[in-house]
Amino acid sequence: MYDHLEGGMLLRSSLNVVLTALCAALYAVSSYTTAYIPTPWLVQLRPAVVIPAVFAVLFGPLVGGLGAAIGTFVASVLTYGTAVLTIFSGTPANFVCFYLIGKLSKPFTWRNFVAATLLGFLVGSVIIGFGLWLLLTSFSFLIPAGTYAFEMVKGSIAAIARDPAAWVLGTIVWTLGTGVICTVLIGTPILKACQKAFSKG
């Protein structure tokens, strides 16, 4: 009996590792493809957020959260040439955001999914807004000169110097708004299709 239980737990654990790696890879590649689209803020426009959201709902909050954190870390390093920006903002924000989406979408209904998405992105957006503010006001010396990140943050540092509250609020609103819109509009039909397919199976 115990051997059967241990075997089942091991299989499930191995499957979660594979799903997390798949989520991270898909998220990293998809995020990188839109990384250089100009936006009004330092935060990217990222339709790829739907990927970890779907994984979180279908396979659990840890799969979605860890997949998102790893994926955004890889994409950020490839884009900016340093891990500093994502360590202060994107990596922890993505983990918390998609963990919450996976946790709070159960049982899956459209209403639960939308509510979980709103709360997840609100918390994640606040982490990003204040994390970047902390980095750019107190630890900007950690950003290596000559990297894409070094060039990208110049405008944000100047904007924070003029009006830090407006910059942080703008970053939060932009991240929250674009994340929720992309996730709900793209994720809802995908999850409903999966729900129908699983119910037939």
N, C-alpha and C. Protein backbone atom coordinates (compact mmCIF):
# COMPACT_ATOMS: atom_id res chain seq x y z
N MET A 1 0.83 -1.21 0.00
CA MET A 1 0.00 0.00 0.00
C MET A 1 0.87 1.26 0.00
N TYR A 2 1.87 1.28 0.89
CA TYR A 2 2.74 2.45 0.99
C TYR A 2 3.56 2.64 -0.28
N ASP A 3 3.99 1.52 -0.86
CA ASP A 3 4.75 1.60 -2.12
C ASP A 3 3.88 2.20 -3.21
N HIS A 4 2.61 1.83 -3.23
CA HIS A 4 1.68 2.37 -4.23
C HIS A 4 1.50 3.88 -4.03
N LEU A 5 1.36 4.30 -2.78
CA LEU A 5 1.19 5.72 -2.49
C LEU A 5 2.43 6.51 -2.86
N GLU A 6 3.58 5.95 -2.50
CA GLU A 6 4.84 6.63 -2.81
C GLU A 6 5.05 6.73 -4.31
N GLY A 7 4.70 5.66 -5.03
CA GLY A 7 4.83 5.67 -6.48
C GLY A 7 3.92 6.71 -7.12
N GLY A 8 2.68 6.81 -6.58
CA GLY A 8 1.74 7.80 -7.11
C GLY A 8 2.21 9.22 -6.85
N MET A 9 2.74 9.47 -5.65
CA MET A 9 3.25 10.80 -5.31
C MET A 9 4.46 11.16 -6.16
N LEU A 10 5.33 10.18 -6.41
CA LEU A 10 6.51 10.42 -7.23
C LEU A 10 6.12 10.75 -8.66
N LEU A 11 5.14 10.00 -9.18
CA LEU A 11 4.67 10.25 -10.55
C LEU A 11 4.05 11.63 -10.67
N ARG A 12 3.24 11.99 -9.68
CA ARG A 12 2.62 13.31 -9.70
C ARG A 12 3.66 14.42 -9.59
N SER A 13 4.65 14.21 -8.72
CA SER A 13 5.72 15.19 -8.57
C SER A 13 6.51 15.36 -9.86
N SER A 14 6.81 14.24 -10.51
CA SER A 14 7.56 14.29 -11.78
C SER A 14 6.74 15.00 -12.85
N LEU A 15 5.44 14.73 -12.89
CA LEU A 15 4.57 15.38 -13.86
C LEU A 15 4.52 16.89 -13.62
N ASN A 16 4.46 17.30 -12.37
CA ASN A 16 4.44 18.73 -12.04
C ASN A 16 5.73 19.42 -12.47
N VAL A 17 6.85 18.71 -12.32
CA VAL A 17 8.13 19.28 -12.75
C VAL A 17 8.14 19.49 -14.27
N VAL A 18 7.64 18.50 -14.99
CA VAL A 18 7.57 18.61 -16.45
C VAL A 18 6.64 19.74 -16.87
N LEU A 19 5.48 19.82 -16.25
CA LEU A 19 4.52 20.88 -16.58
C LEU A 19 5.06 22.27 -16.24
N THR A 20 5.76 22.37 -15.12
CA THR A 20 6.37 23.65 -14.74
C THR A 20 7.42 24.08 -15.75
N ALA A 21 8.25 23.13 -16.18
CA ALA A 21 9.29 23.42 -17.16
C ALA A 21 8.67 23.82 -18.50
N LEU A 22 7.59 23.14 -18.89
CA LEU A 22 6.91 23.47 -20.14
C LEU A 22 6.30 24.86 -20.07
N CYS A 23 5.66 25.16 -18.96
CA CYS A 23 5.07 26.49 -18.75
C CYS A 23 6.15 27.57 -18.82
N ALA A 24 7.26 27.33 -18.13
CA ALA A 24 8.36 28.31 -18.11
C ALA A 24 8.92 28.54 -19.50
N ALA A 25 9.11 27.46 -20.26
CA ALA A 25 9.69 27.58 -21.61
C ALA A 25 8.75 28.34 -22.54
N LEU A 26 7.48 27.98 -22.53
CA LEU A 26 6.51 28.66 -23.38
C LEU A 26 6.39 30.13 -23.01
N TYR A 27 6.38 30.41 -21.72
CA TYR A 27 6.24 31.78 -21.24
C TYR A 27 7.47 32.62 -21.59
N ALA A 28 8.65 32.04 -21.41
CA ALA A 28 9.88 32.76 -21.71
C ALA A 28 9.97 33.12 -23.20
N VAL A 29 9.71 32.15 -24.05
CA VAL A 29 9.80 32.38 -25.50
C VAL A 29 8.75 33.39 -25.95
N SER A 30 7.51 33.21 -25.50
CA SER A 30 6.43 34.10 -25.91
C SER A 30 6.63 35.52 -25.38
N SER A 31 7.14 35.63 -24.17
CA SER A 31 7.40 36.96 -23.59
C SER A 31 8.51 37.68 -24.35
N TYR A 32 9.51 36.93 -24.73
CA TYR A 32 10.64 37.54 -25.44
C TYR A 32 10.22 38.07 -26.81
N THR A 33 9.25 37.41 -27.44
CA THR A 33 8.84 37.84 -28.79
C THR A 33 8.17 39.21 -28.78
N THR A 34 7.60 39.62 -27.65
CA THR A 34 6.94 40.93 -27.57
C THR A 34 7.71 41.92 -26.68
N ALA A 35 8.91 41.53 -26.27
CA ALA A 35 9.64 42.32 -25.27
C ALA A 35 10.04 43.71 -25.76
N TYR A 36 10.22 43.87 -27.05
CA TYR A 36 10.73 45.14 -27.56
C TYR A 36 9.64 46.04 -28.13
N ILE A 37 8.38 45.68 -27.91
CA ILE A 37 7.28 46.57 -28.30
C ILE A 37 7.30 47.79 -27.38
N PRO A 38 7.35 49.01 -27.93
CA PRO A 38 7.41 50.21 -27.07
C PRO A 38 6.14 50.36 -26.22
N THR A 39 6.32 50.73 -24.97
CA THR A 39 5.19 50.99 -24.07
C THR A 39 5.44 52.30 -23.33
N PRO A 40 4.39 52.88 -22.74
CA PRO A 40 4.57 54.13 -22.00
C PRO A 40 5.35 53.97 -20.70
N TRP A 41 5.52 52.72 -20.25
CA TRP A 41 6.15 52.46 -18.97
C TRP A 41 7.30 51.47 -19.14
N LEU A 42 8.05 51.29 -18.09
CA LEU A 42 9.17 50.34 -18.14
C LEU A 42 8.67 48.91 -18.28
N VAL A 43 7.46 48.65 -17.80
CA VAL A 43 6.89 47.30 -17.86
C VAL A 43 6.42 46.99 -19.29
N GLN A 44 6.67 45.77 -19.72
CA GLN A 44 6.36 45.36 -21.09
C GLN A 44 4.87 45.10 -21.29
N LEU A 45 4.45 45.19 -22.55
CA LEU A 45 3.15 44.65 -22.95
C LEU A 45 3.36 43.16 -23.18
N ARG A 46 2.63 42.32 -22.44
CA ARG A 46 2.93 40.89 -22.46
C ARG A 46 1.66 40.04 -22.55
N PRO A 47 1.15 39.82 -23.77
CA PRO A 47 0.00 38.92 -23.93
C PRO A 47 0.29 37.50 -23.46
N ALA A 48 1.56 37.15 -23.37
CA ALA A 48 1.94 35.80 -22.95
C ALA A 48 1.53 35.48 -21.52
N VAL A 49 1.05 36.47 -20.76
CA VAL A 49 0.62 36.18 -19.38
C VAL A 49 -0.49 35.13 -19.33
N VAL A 50 -1.17 34.95 -20.45
CA VAL A 50 -2.23 33.94 -20.47
C VAL A 50 -1.68 32.54 -20.28
N ILE A 51 -0.42 32.31 -20.64
CA ILE A 51 0.16 30.97 -20.57
C ILE A 51 0.25 30.47 -19.13
N PRO A 52 0.94 31.17 -18.22
CA PRO A 52 0.96 30.68 -16.84
C PRO A 52 -0.40 30.72 -16.16
N ALA A 53 -1.28 31.62 -16.61
CA ALA A 53 -2.63 31.66 -16.03
C ALA A 53 -3.37 30.36 -16.33
N VAL A 54 -3.30 29.92 -17.57
CA VAL A 54 -3.96 28.67 -17.97
C VAL A 54 -3.32 27.48 -17.25
N PHE A 55 -2.00 27.45 -17.19
CA PHE A 55 -1.32 26.36 -16.48
C PHE A 55 -1.70 26.34 -15.01
N ALA A 56 -1.83 27.52 -14.40
CA ALA A 56 -2.17 27.61 -12.97
C ALA A 56 -3.56 27.06 -12.70
N VAL A 57 -4.50 27.36 -13.58
CA VAL A 57 -5.87 26.89 -13.40
C VAL A 57 -5.98 25.39 -13.68
N LEU A 58 -5.33 24.93 -14.73
CA LEU A 58 -5.45 23.52 -15.13
C LEU A 58 -4.63 22.57 -14.26
N PHE A 59 -3.44 23.00 -13.87
CA PHE A 59 -2.50 22.08 -13.23
C PHE A 59 -2.09 22.48 -11.81
N GLY A 60 -2.61 23.59 -11.32
CA GLY A 60 -2.34 23.96 -9.95
C GLY A 60 -1.51 25.23 -9.80
N PRO A 61 -1.67 25.90 -8.66
CA PRO A 61 -1.01 27.19 -8.45
C PRO A 61 0.52 27.14 -8.45
N LEU A 62 1.10 26.05 -7.94
CA LEU A 62 2.56 25.96 -7.93
C LEU A 62 3.13 25.82 -9.33
N VAL A 63 2.46 25.04 -10.16
CA VAL A 63 2.92 24.88 -11.55
C VAL A 63 2.87 26.23 -12.27
N GLY A 64 1.75 26.94 -12.15
CA GLY A 64 1.62 28.24 -12.80
C GLY A 64 2.55 29.28 -12.21
N GLY A 65 2.64 29.32 -10.87
CA GLY A 65 3.48 30.33 -10.22
C GLY A 65 4.96 30.14 -10.49
N LEU A 66 5.45 28.91 -10.31
CA LEU A 66 6.86 28.64 -10.55
C LEU A 66 7.21 28.76 -12.04
N GLY A 67 6.31 28.26 -12.90
CA GLY A 67 6.54 28.39 -14.34
C GLY A 67 6.64 29.84 -14.77
N ALA A 68 5.77 30.68 -14.21
CA ALA A 68 5.79 32.10 -14.53
C ALA A 68 7.06 32.77 -14.02
N ALA A 69 7.45 32.45 -12.79
CA ALA A 69 8.64 33.06 -12.20
C ALA A 69 9.90 32.69 -12.98
N ILE A 70 10.04 31.42 -13.32
CA ILE A 70 11.21 30.98 -14.09
C ILE A 70 11.19 31.55 -15.50
N GLY A 71 10.02 31.51 -16.12
CA GLY A 71 9.90 32.02 -17.49
C GLY A 71 10.20 33.49 -17.60
N THR A 72 9.66 34.29 -16.67
CA THR A 72 9.91 35.73 -16.74
C THR A 72 11.36 36.06 -16.41
N PHE A 73 11.98 35.26 -15.53
CA PHE A 73 13.40 35.46 -15.21
C PHE A 73 14.25 35.26 -16.46
N VAL A 74 14.00 34.17 -17.17
CA VAL A 74 14.77 33.88 -18.39
C VAL A 74 14.54 34.95 -19.44
N ALA A 75 13.29 35.32 -19.67
CA ALA A 75 12.96 36.32 -20.69
C ALA A 75 13.58 37.67 -20.36
N SER A 76 13.57 38.03 -19.09
CA SER A 76 14.13 39.32 -18.67
C SER A 76 15.64 39.37 -18.86
N VAL A 77 16.31 38.29 -18.50
CA VAL A 77 17.77 38.25 -18.68
C VAL A 77 18.13 38.34 -20.16
N LEU A 78 17.39 37.62 -21.00
CA LEU A 78 17.63 37.67 -22.44
C LEU A 78 17.36 39.06 -23.01
N THR A 79 16.33 39.70 -22.50
CA THR A 79 15.93 41.02 -23.02
C THR A 79 16.86 42.13 -22.54
N TYR A 80 17.09 42.17 -21.23
CA TYR A 80 17.78 43.32 -20.63
C TYR A 80 19.27 43.10 -20.40
N GLY A 81 19.73 41.86 -20.51
CA GLY A 81 21.15 41.60 -20.31
C GLY A 81 21.58 41.56 -18.86
N THR A 82 20.61 41.51 -17.94
CA THR A 82 20.89 41.43 -16.52
C THR A 82 19.66 40.90 -15.81
N ALA A 83 19.87 40.29 -14.64
CA ALA A 83 18.74 39.77 -13.86
C ALA A 83 18.24 40.76 -12.82
N VAL A 84 18.88 41.91 -12.71
CA VAL A 84 18.57 42.83 -11.62
C VAL A 84 17.12 43.30 -11.65
N LEU A 85 16.62 43.70 -12.81
CA LEU A 85 15.26 44.22 -12.89
C LEU A 85 14.24 43.19 -12.44
N THR A 86 14.37 41.96 -12.92
CA THR A 86 13.37 40.94 -12.62
C THR A 86 13.47 40.44 -11.19
N ILE A 87 14.65 40.46 -10.60
CA ILE A 87 14.79 40.05 -9.20
C ILE A 87 14.02 41.00 -8.29
N PHE A 88 14.03 42.29 -8.62
CA PHE A 88 13.33 43.28 -7.81
C PHE A 88 11.84 43.36 -8.12
N SER A 89 11.42 42.82 -9.25
CA SER A 89 10.03 43.05 -9.64
C SER A 89 9.36 41.82 -10.26
N GLY A 90 9.71 41.50 -11.49
CA GLY A 90 8.97 40.52 -12.27
C GLY A 90 8.94 39.12 -11.70
N THR A 91 10.06 38.62 -11.22
CA THR A 91 10.09 37.24 -10.74
C THR A 91 9.19 37.01 -9.53
N PRO A 92 9.33 37.79 -8.45
CA PRO A 92 8.41 37.57 -7.33
C PRO A 92 6.97 37.93 -7.67
N ALA A 93 6.78 38.97 -8.48
CA ALA A 93 5.41 39.38 -8.84
C ALA A 93 4.71 38.30 -9.65
N ASN A 94 5.41 37.70 -10.59
CA ASN A 94 4.81 36.65 -11.42
C ASN A 94 4.45 35.43 -10.59
N PHE A 95 5.33 35.06 -9.69
CA PHE A 95 5.03 33.90 -8.85
C PHE A 95 3.76 34.13 -8.03
N VAL A 96 3.69 35.26 -7.35
CA VAL A 96 2.53 35.55 -6.50
C VAL A 96 1.26 35.68 -7.33
N CYS A 97 1.34 36.40 -8.43
CA CYS A 97 0.18 36.63 -9.29
C CYS A 97 -0.45 35.33 -9.76
N PHE A 98 0.36 34.48 -10.36
CA PHE A 98 -0.21 33.27 -10.96
C PHE A 98 -0.49 32.17 -9.93
N TYR A 99 0.21 32.22 -8.82
CA TYR A 99 -0.15 31.31 -7.72
C TYR A 99 -1.57 31.64 -7.23
N LEU A 100 -1.82 32.93 -7.05
CA LEU A 100 -3.15 33.35 -6.59
C LEU A 100 -4.24 33.00 -7.62
N ILE A 101 -3.94 33.20 -8.89
CA ILE A 101 -4.91 32.86 -9.92
C ILE A 101 -5.27 31.38 -9.88
N GLY A 102 -4.24 30.53 -9.76
CA GLY A 102 -4.50 29.10 -9.69
C GLY A 102 -5.25 28.70 -8.43
N LYS A 103 -4.92 29.34 -7.33
CA LYS A 103 -5.52 28.99 -6.03
C LYS A 103 -6.97 29.45 -5.95
N LEU A 104 -7.25 30.66 -6.44
CA LEU A 104 -8.56 31.27 -6.24
C LEU A 104 -9.56 30.99 -7.36
N SER A 105 -9.12 30.34 -8.43
CA SER A 105 -10.02 30.02 -9.54
C SER A 105 -10.80 28.73 -9.31
N LYS A 106 -10.53 28.06 -8.20
CA LYS A 106 -11.19 26.78 -7.91
C LYS A 106 -12.43 27.03 -7.04
N PRO A 107 -13.56 26.38 -7.36
CA PRO A 107 -13.82 25.62 -8.58
C PRO A 107 -13.89 26.56 -9.79
N PHE A 108 -13.53 26.06 -10.96
CA PHE A 108 -13.44 26.95 -12.11
C PHE A 108 -14.82 27.37 -12.60
N THR A 109 -15.03 28.67 -12.55
CA THR A 109 -16.15 29.32 -13.21
C THR A 109 -15.60 30.60 -13.80
N TRP A 110 -16.32 31.19 -14.73
CA TRP A 110 -15.85 32.43 -15.33
C TRP A 110 -15.71 33.51 -14.26
N ARG A 111 -16.67 33.57 -13.36
CA ARG A 111 -16.65 34.59 -12.30
C ARG A 111 -15.43 34.40 -11.39
N ASN A 112 -15.18 33.16 -10.99
CA ASN A 112 -14.02 32.89 -10.13
C ASN A 112 -12.71 33.23 -10.84
N PHE A 113 -12.64 32.89 -12.12
CA PHE A 113 -11.43 33.15 -12.89
C PHE A 113 -11.16 34.64 -13.02
N VAL A 114 -12.20 35.41 -13.31
CA VAL A 114 -12.03 36.86 -13.44
C VAL A 114 -11.64 37.48 -12.10
N ALA A 115 -12.31 37.07 -11.03
CA ALA A 115 -11.99 37.61 -9.71
C ALA A 115 -10.56 37.26 -9.30
N ALA A 116 -10.15 36.02 -9.55
CA ALA A 116 -8.79 35.59 -9.23
C ALA A 116 -7.77 36.35 -10.07
N THR A 117 -8.10 36.58 -11.33
CA THR A 117 -7.19 37.32 -12.21
C THR A 117 -7.03 38.76 -11.74
N LEU A 118 -8.13 39.39 -11.36
CA LEU A 118 -8.06 40.77 -10.85
C LEU A 118 -7.21 40.86 -9.59
N LEU A 119 -7.44 39.97 -8.65
CA LEU A 119 -6.69 40.00 -7.40
C LEU A 119 -5.22 39.64 -7.63
N GLY A 120 -4.99 38.61 -8.44
CA GLY A 120 -3.62 38.19 -8.71
C GLY A 120 -2.80 39.30 -9.36
N PHE A 121 -3.37 39.93 -10.37
CA PHE A 121 -2.63 40.99 -11.06
C PHE A 121 -2.53 42.26 -10.21
N LEU A 122 -3.51 42.50 -9.36
CA LEU A 122 -3.40 43.66 -8.46
C LEU A 122 -2.20 43.50 -7.54
N VAL A 123 -2.10 42.33 -6.91
CA VAL A 123 -0.97 42.09 -6.00
C VAL A 123 0.35 42.10 -6.77
N GLY A 124 0.37 41.41 -7.92
CA GLY A 124 1.59 41.38 -8.72
C GLY A 124 2.00 42.75 -9.22
N SER A 125 1.04 43.57 -9.61
CA SER A 125 1.33 44.91 -10.12
C SER A 125 1.89 45.82 -9.03
N VAL A 126 1.37 45.66 -7.83
CA VAL A 126 1.89 46.45 -6.70
C VAL A 126 3.34 46.05 -6.41
N ILE A 127 3.62 44.75 -6.45
CA ILE A 127 5.01 44.29 -6.24
C ILE A 127 5.93 44.87 -7.31
N ILE A 128 5.47 44.87 -8.56
CA ILE A 128 6.29 45.40 -9.65
C ILE A 128 6.49 46.90 -9.49
N GLY A 129 5.41 47.63 -9.22
CA GLY A 129 5.51 49.09 -9.10
C GLY A 129 6.47 49.52 -8.01
N PHE A 130 6.29 48.98 -6.82
CA PHE A 130 7.14 49.38 -5.70
C PHE A 130 8.53 48.73 -5.77
N GLY A 131 8.60 47.53 -6.36
CA GLY A 131 9.90 46.90 -6.53
C GLY A 131 10.81 47.68 -7.46
N LEU A 132 10.24 48.11 -8.59
CA LEU A 132 11.03 48.93 -9.52
C LEU A 132 11.36 50.28 -8.93
N TRP A 133 10.42 50.87 -8.20
CA TRP A 133 10.69 52.15 -7.53
C TRP A 133 11.87 52.01 -6.56
N LEU A 134 11.87 50.94 -5.77
CA LEU A 134 12.97 50.70 -4.83
C LEU A 134 14.28 50.52 -5.57
N LEU A 135 14.26 49.73 -6.63
CA LEU A 135 15.48 49.50 -7.41
C LEU A 135 16.02 50.80 -8.00
N LEU A 136 15.15 51.58 -8.63
CA LEU A 136 15.60 52.76 -9.36
C LEU A 136 15.96 53.94 -8.46
N THR A 137 15.42 53.95 -7.25
CA THR A 137 15.74 55.06 -6.34
C THR A 137 16.90 54.75 -5.40
N SER A 138 17.10 53.47 -5.10
CA SER A 138 18.11 53.13 -4.10
C SER A 138 19.19 52.16 -4.57
N PHE A 139 18.91 51.38 -5.62
CA PHE A 139 19.86 50.35 -6.02
C PHE A 139 20.15 50.36 -7.52
N SER A 140 19.97 51.50 -8.16
CA SER A 140 20.20 51.56 -9.60
C SER A 140 21.65 51.28 -9.98
N PHE A 141 22.55 51.45 -9.01
CA PHE A 141 23.97 51.17 -9.27
C PHE A 141 24.22 49.69 -9.56
N LEU A 142 23.24 48.84 -9.24
CA LEU A 142 23.38 47.42 -9.51
C LEU A 142 23.16 47.07 -10.98
N ILE A 143 22.56 47.99 -11.74
CA ILE A 143 22.27 47.74 -13.16
C ILE A 143 23.56 47.97 -13.95
N PRO A 144 24.06 46.94 -14.63
CA PRO A 144 25.35 47.07 -15.33
C PRO A 144 25.28 48.06 -16.49
N ALA A 145 26.28 48.93 -16.57
CA ALA A 145 26.37 49.86 -17.70
C ALA A 145 26.60 49.08 -18.98
N GLY A 146 26.04 49.60 -20.06
CA GLY A 146 26.20 48.96 -21.35
C GLY A 146 25.13 47.93 -21.68
N THR A 147 24.25 47.62 -20.72
CA THR A 147 23.17 46.68 -20.98
C THR A 147 21.94 47.44 -21.49
N TYR A 148 21.02 46.69 -22.08
CA TYR A 148 19.76 47.29 -22.54
C TYR A 148 18.98 47.85 -21.36
N ALA A 149 19.07 47.18 -20.22
CA ALA A 149 18.40 47.65 -19.01
C ALA A 149 18.90 49.03 -18.60
N PHE A 150 20.21 49.23 -18.70
CA PHE A 150 20.82 50.50 -18.31
C PHE A 150 20.25 51.65 -19.13
N GLU A 151 20.04 51.40 -20.42
CA GLU A 151 19.49 52.44 -21.30
C GLU A 151 17.99 52.63 -21.04
N MET A 152 17.29 51.54 -20.77
CA MET A 152 15.84 51.61 -20.61
C MET A 152 15.41 52.35 -19.35
N VAL A 153 16.19 52.27 -18.28
CA VAL A 153 15.74 52.85 -17.01
C VAL A 153 15.99 54.35 -16.90
N LYS A 154 16.74 54.92 -17.82
CA LYS A 154 17.08 56.34 -17.72
C LYS A 154 15.83 57.22 -17.67
N GLY A 155 14.89 56.97 -18.56
CA GLY A 155 13.67 57.76 -18.58
C GLY A 155 12.84 57.57 -17.33
N SER A 156 12.80 56.35 -16.83
CA SER A 156 12.03 56.07 -15.62
C SER A 156 12.64 56.73 -14.39
N ILE A 157 13.96 56.74 -14.31
CA ILE A 157 14.63 57.40 -13.18
C ILE A 157 14.31 58.89 -13.18
N ALA A 158 14.32 59.49 -14.36
CA ALA A 158 13.98 60.92 -14.47
C ALA A 158 12.52 61.17 -14.10
N ALA A 159 11.63 60.28 -14.54
CA ALA A 159 10.20 60.43 -14.24
C ALA A 159 9.93 60.27 -12.74
N ILE A 160 10.63 59.33 -12.10
CA ILE A 160 10.47 59.14 -10.66
C ILE A 160 10.96 60.37 -9.90
N ALA A 161 12.04 60.96 -10.37
CA ALA A 161 12.57 62.16 -9.72
C ALA A 161 11.56 63.31 -9.77
N ARG A 162 10.79 63.39 -10.87
CA ARG A 162 9.80 64.46 -11.01
C ARG A 162 8.57 64.19 -10.16
N ASP A 163 8.05 62.96 -10.20
CA ASP A 163 6.82 62.64 -9.48
C ASP A 163 6.78 61.14 -9.20
N PRO A 164 7.36 60.72 -8.09
CA PRO A 164 7.44 59.27 -7.81
C PRO A 164 6.09 58.60 -7.67
N ALA A 165 5.14 59.29 -7.02
CA ALA A 165 3.82 58.69 -6.81
C ALA A 165 3.12 58.43 -8.14
N ALA A 166 3.19 59.39 -9.05
CA ALA A 166 2.55 59.23 -10.35
C ALA A 166 3.19 58.10 -11.14
N TRP A 167 4.52 57.96 -11.04
CA TRP A 167 5.21 56.91 -11.78
C TRP A 167 4.82 55.53 -11.24
N VAL A 168 4.82 55.39 -9.92
CA VAL A 168 4.47 54.09 -9.32
C VAL A 168 3.01 53.75 -9.64
N LEU A 169 2.11 54.71 -9.48
CA LEU A 169 0.70 54.47 -9.77
C LEU A 169 0.49 54.12 -11.24
N GLY A 170 1.16 54.84 -12.12
CA GLY A 170 1.04 54.56 -13.55
C GLY A 170 1.53 53.16 -13.90
N THR A 171 2.64 52.77 -13.29
CA THR A 171 3.18 51.42 -13.52
C THR A 171 2.21 50.35 -13.05
N ILE A 172 1.61 50.57 -11.88
CA ILE A 172 0.66 49.60 -11.33
C ILE A 172 -0.57 49.50 -12.23
N VAL A 173 -1.12 50.64 -12.63
CA VAL A 173 -2.34 50.65 -13.46
C VAL A 173 -2.07 50.01 -14.82
N TRP A 174 -0.93 50.34 -15.44
CA TRP A 174 -0.58 49.76 -16.74
C TRP A 174 -0.44 48.24 -16.65
N THR A 175 0.30 47.77 -15.65
CA THR A 175 0.54 46.34 -15.49
C THR A 175 -0.76 45.60 -15.18
N LEU A 176 -1.55 46.16 -14.29
CA LEU A 176 -2.83 45.56 -13.91
C LEU A 176 -3.78 45.51 -15.11
N GLY A 177 -3.93 46.64 -15.79
CA GLY A 177 -4.89 46.72 -16.89
C GLY A 177 -4.55 45.80 -18.05
N THR A 178 -3.31 45.87 -18.51
CA THR A 178 -2.93 45.04 -19.66
C THR A 178 -2.93 43.55 -19.30
N GLY A 179 -2.50 43.23 -18.08
CA GLY A 179 -2.46 41.84 -17.67
C GLY A 179 -3.84 41.22 -17.57
N VAL A 180 -4.76 41.94 -16.95
CA VAL A 180 -6.12 41.43 -16.78
C VAL A 180 -6.82 41.29 -18.13
N ILE A 181 -6.69 42.29 -18.99
CA ILE A 181 -7.34 42.25 -20.30
C ILE A 181 -6.84 41.07 -21.11
N CYS A 182 -5.53 40.91 -21.20
CA CYS A 182 -4.96 39.80 -21.99
C CYS A 182 -5.36 38.45 -21.41
N THR A 183 -5.31 38.33 -20.09
CA THR A 183 -5.60 37.04 -19.47
C THR A 183 -7.06 36.65 -19.61
N VAL A 184 -7.95 37.59 -19.36
CA VAL A 184 -9.38 37.27 -19.43
C VAL A 184 -9.83 37.06 -20.87
N LEU A 185 -9.42 37.94 -21.78
CA LEU A 185 -9.89 37.83 -23.16
C LEU A 185 -9.36 36.58 -23.86
N ILE A 186 -8.09 36.25 -23.62
CA ILE A 186 -7.50 35.09 -24.29
C ILE A 186 -7.69 33.81 -23.48
N GLY A 187 -7.58 33.95 -22.15
CA GLY A 187 -7.63 32.77 -21.30
C GLY A 187 -9.00 32.15 -21.16
N THR A 188 -10.06 32.97 -21.14
CA THR A 188 -11.40 32.44 -20.94
C THR A 188 -11.81 31.41 -21.99
N PRO A 189 -11.70 31.72 -23.30
CA PRO A 189 -12.08 30.70 -24.29
C PRO A 189 -11.21 29.46 -24.25
N ILE A 190 -9.93 29.62 -23.93
CA ILE A 190 -9.03 28.46 -23.84
C ILE A 190 -9.48 27.55 -22.69
N LEU A 191 -9.75 28.14 -21.54
CA LEU A 191 -10.13 27.34 -20.37
C LEU A 191 -11.51 26.71 -20.54
N LYS A 192 -12.42 27.43 -21.17
CA LYS A 192 -13.75 26.85 -21.41
C LYS A 192 -13.66 25.67 -22.37
N ALA A 193 -12.79 25.81 -23.38
CA ALA A 193 -12.59 24.70 -24.32
C ALA A 193 -11.98 23.50 -23.61
N CYS A 194 -11.02 23.75 -22.73
CA CYS A 194 -10.41 22.66 -21.96
C CYS A 194 -11.42 22.01 -21.03
N GLN A 195 -12.27 22.83 -20.44
CA GLN A 195 -13.29 22.32 -19.52
C GLN A 195 -14.25 21.38 -20.27
N LYS A 196 -14.65 21.77 -21.46
CA LYS A 196 -15.54 20.92 -22.26
C LYS A 196 -14.85 19.63 -22.66
N ALA A 197 -13.58 19.75 -23.07
CA ALA A 197 -12.84 18.56 -23.50
C ALA A 197 -12.64 17.59 -22.34
N PHE A 198 -12.32 18.10 -21.17
CA PHE A 198 -12.10 17.23 -20.01
C PHE A 198 -13.41 16.58 -19.55
N SER A 199 -14.52 17.32 -19.64
CA SER A 199 -15.80 16.78 -19.19
C SER A 199 -16.27 15.65 -20.12
N LYS A 200 -15.94 15.76 -21.40
CA LYS A 200 -16.30 14.70 -22.36
C LYS A 200 -15.44 13.46 -22.13
N GLY A 201 -14.13 13.74 -21.74
CA GLY A 201 -13.25 12.60 -21.50
C GLY A 201 -13.63 11.85 -20.25
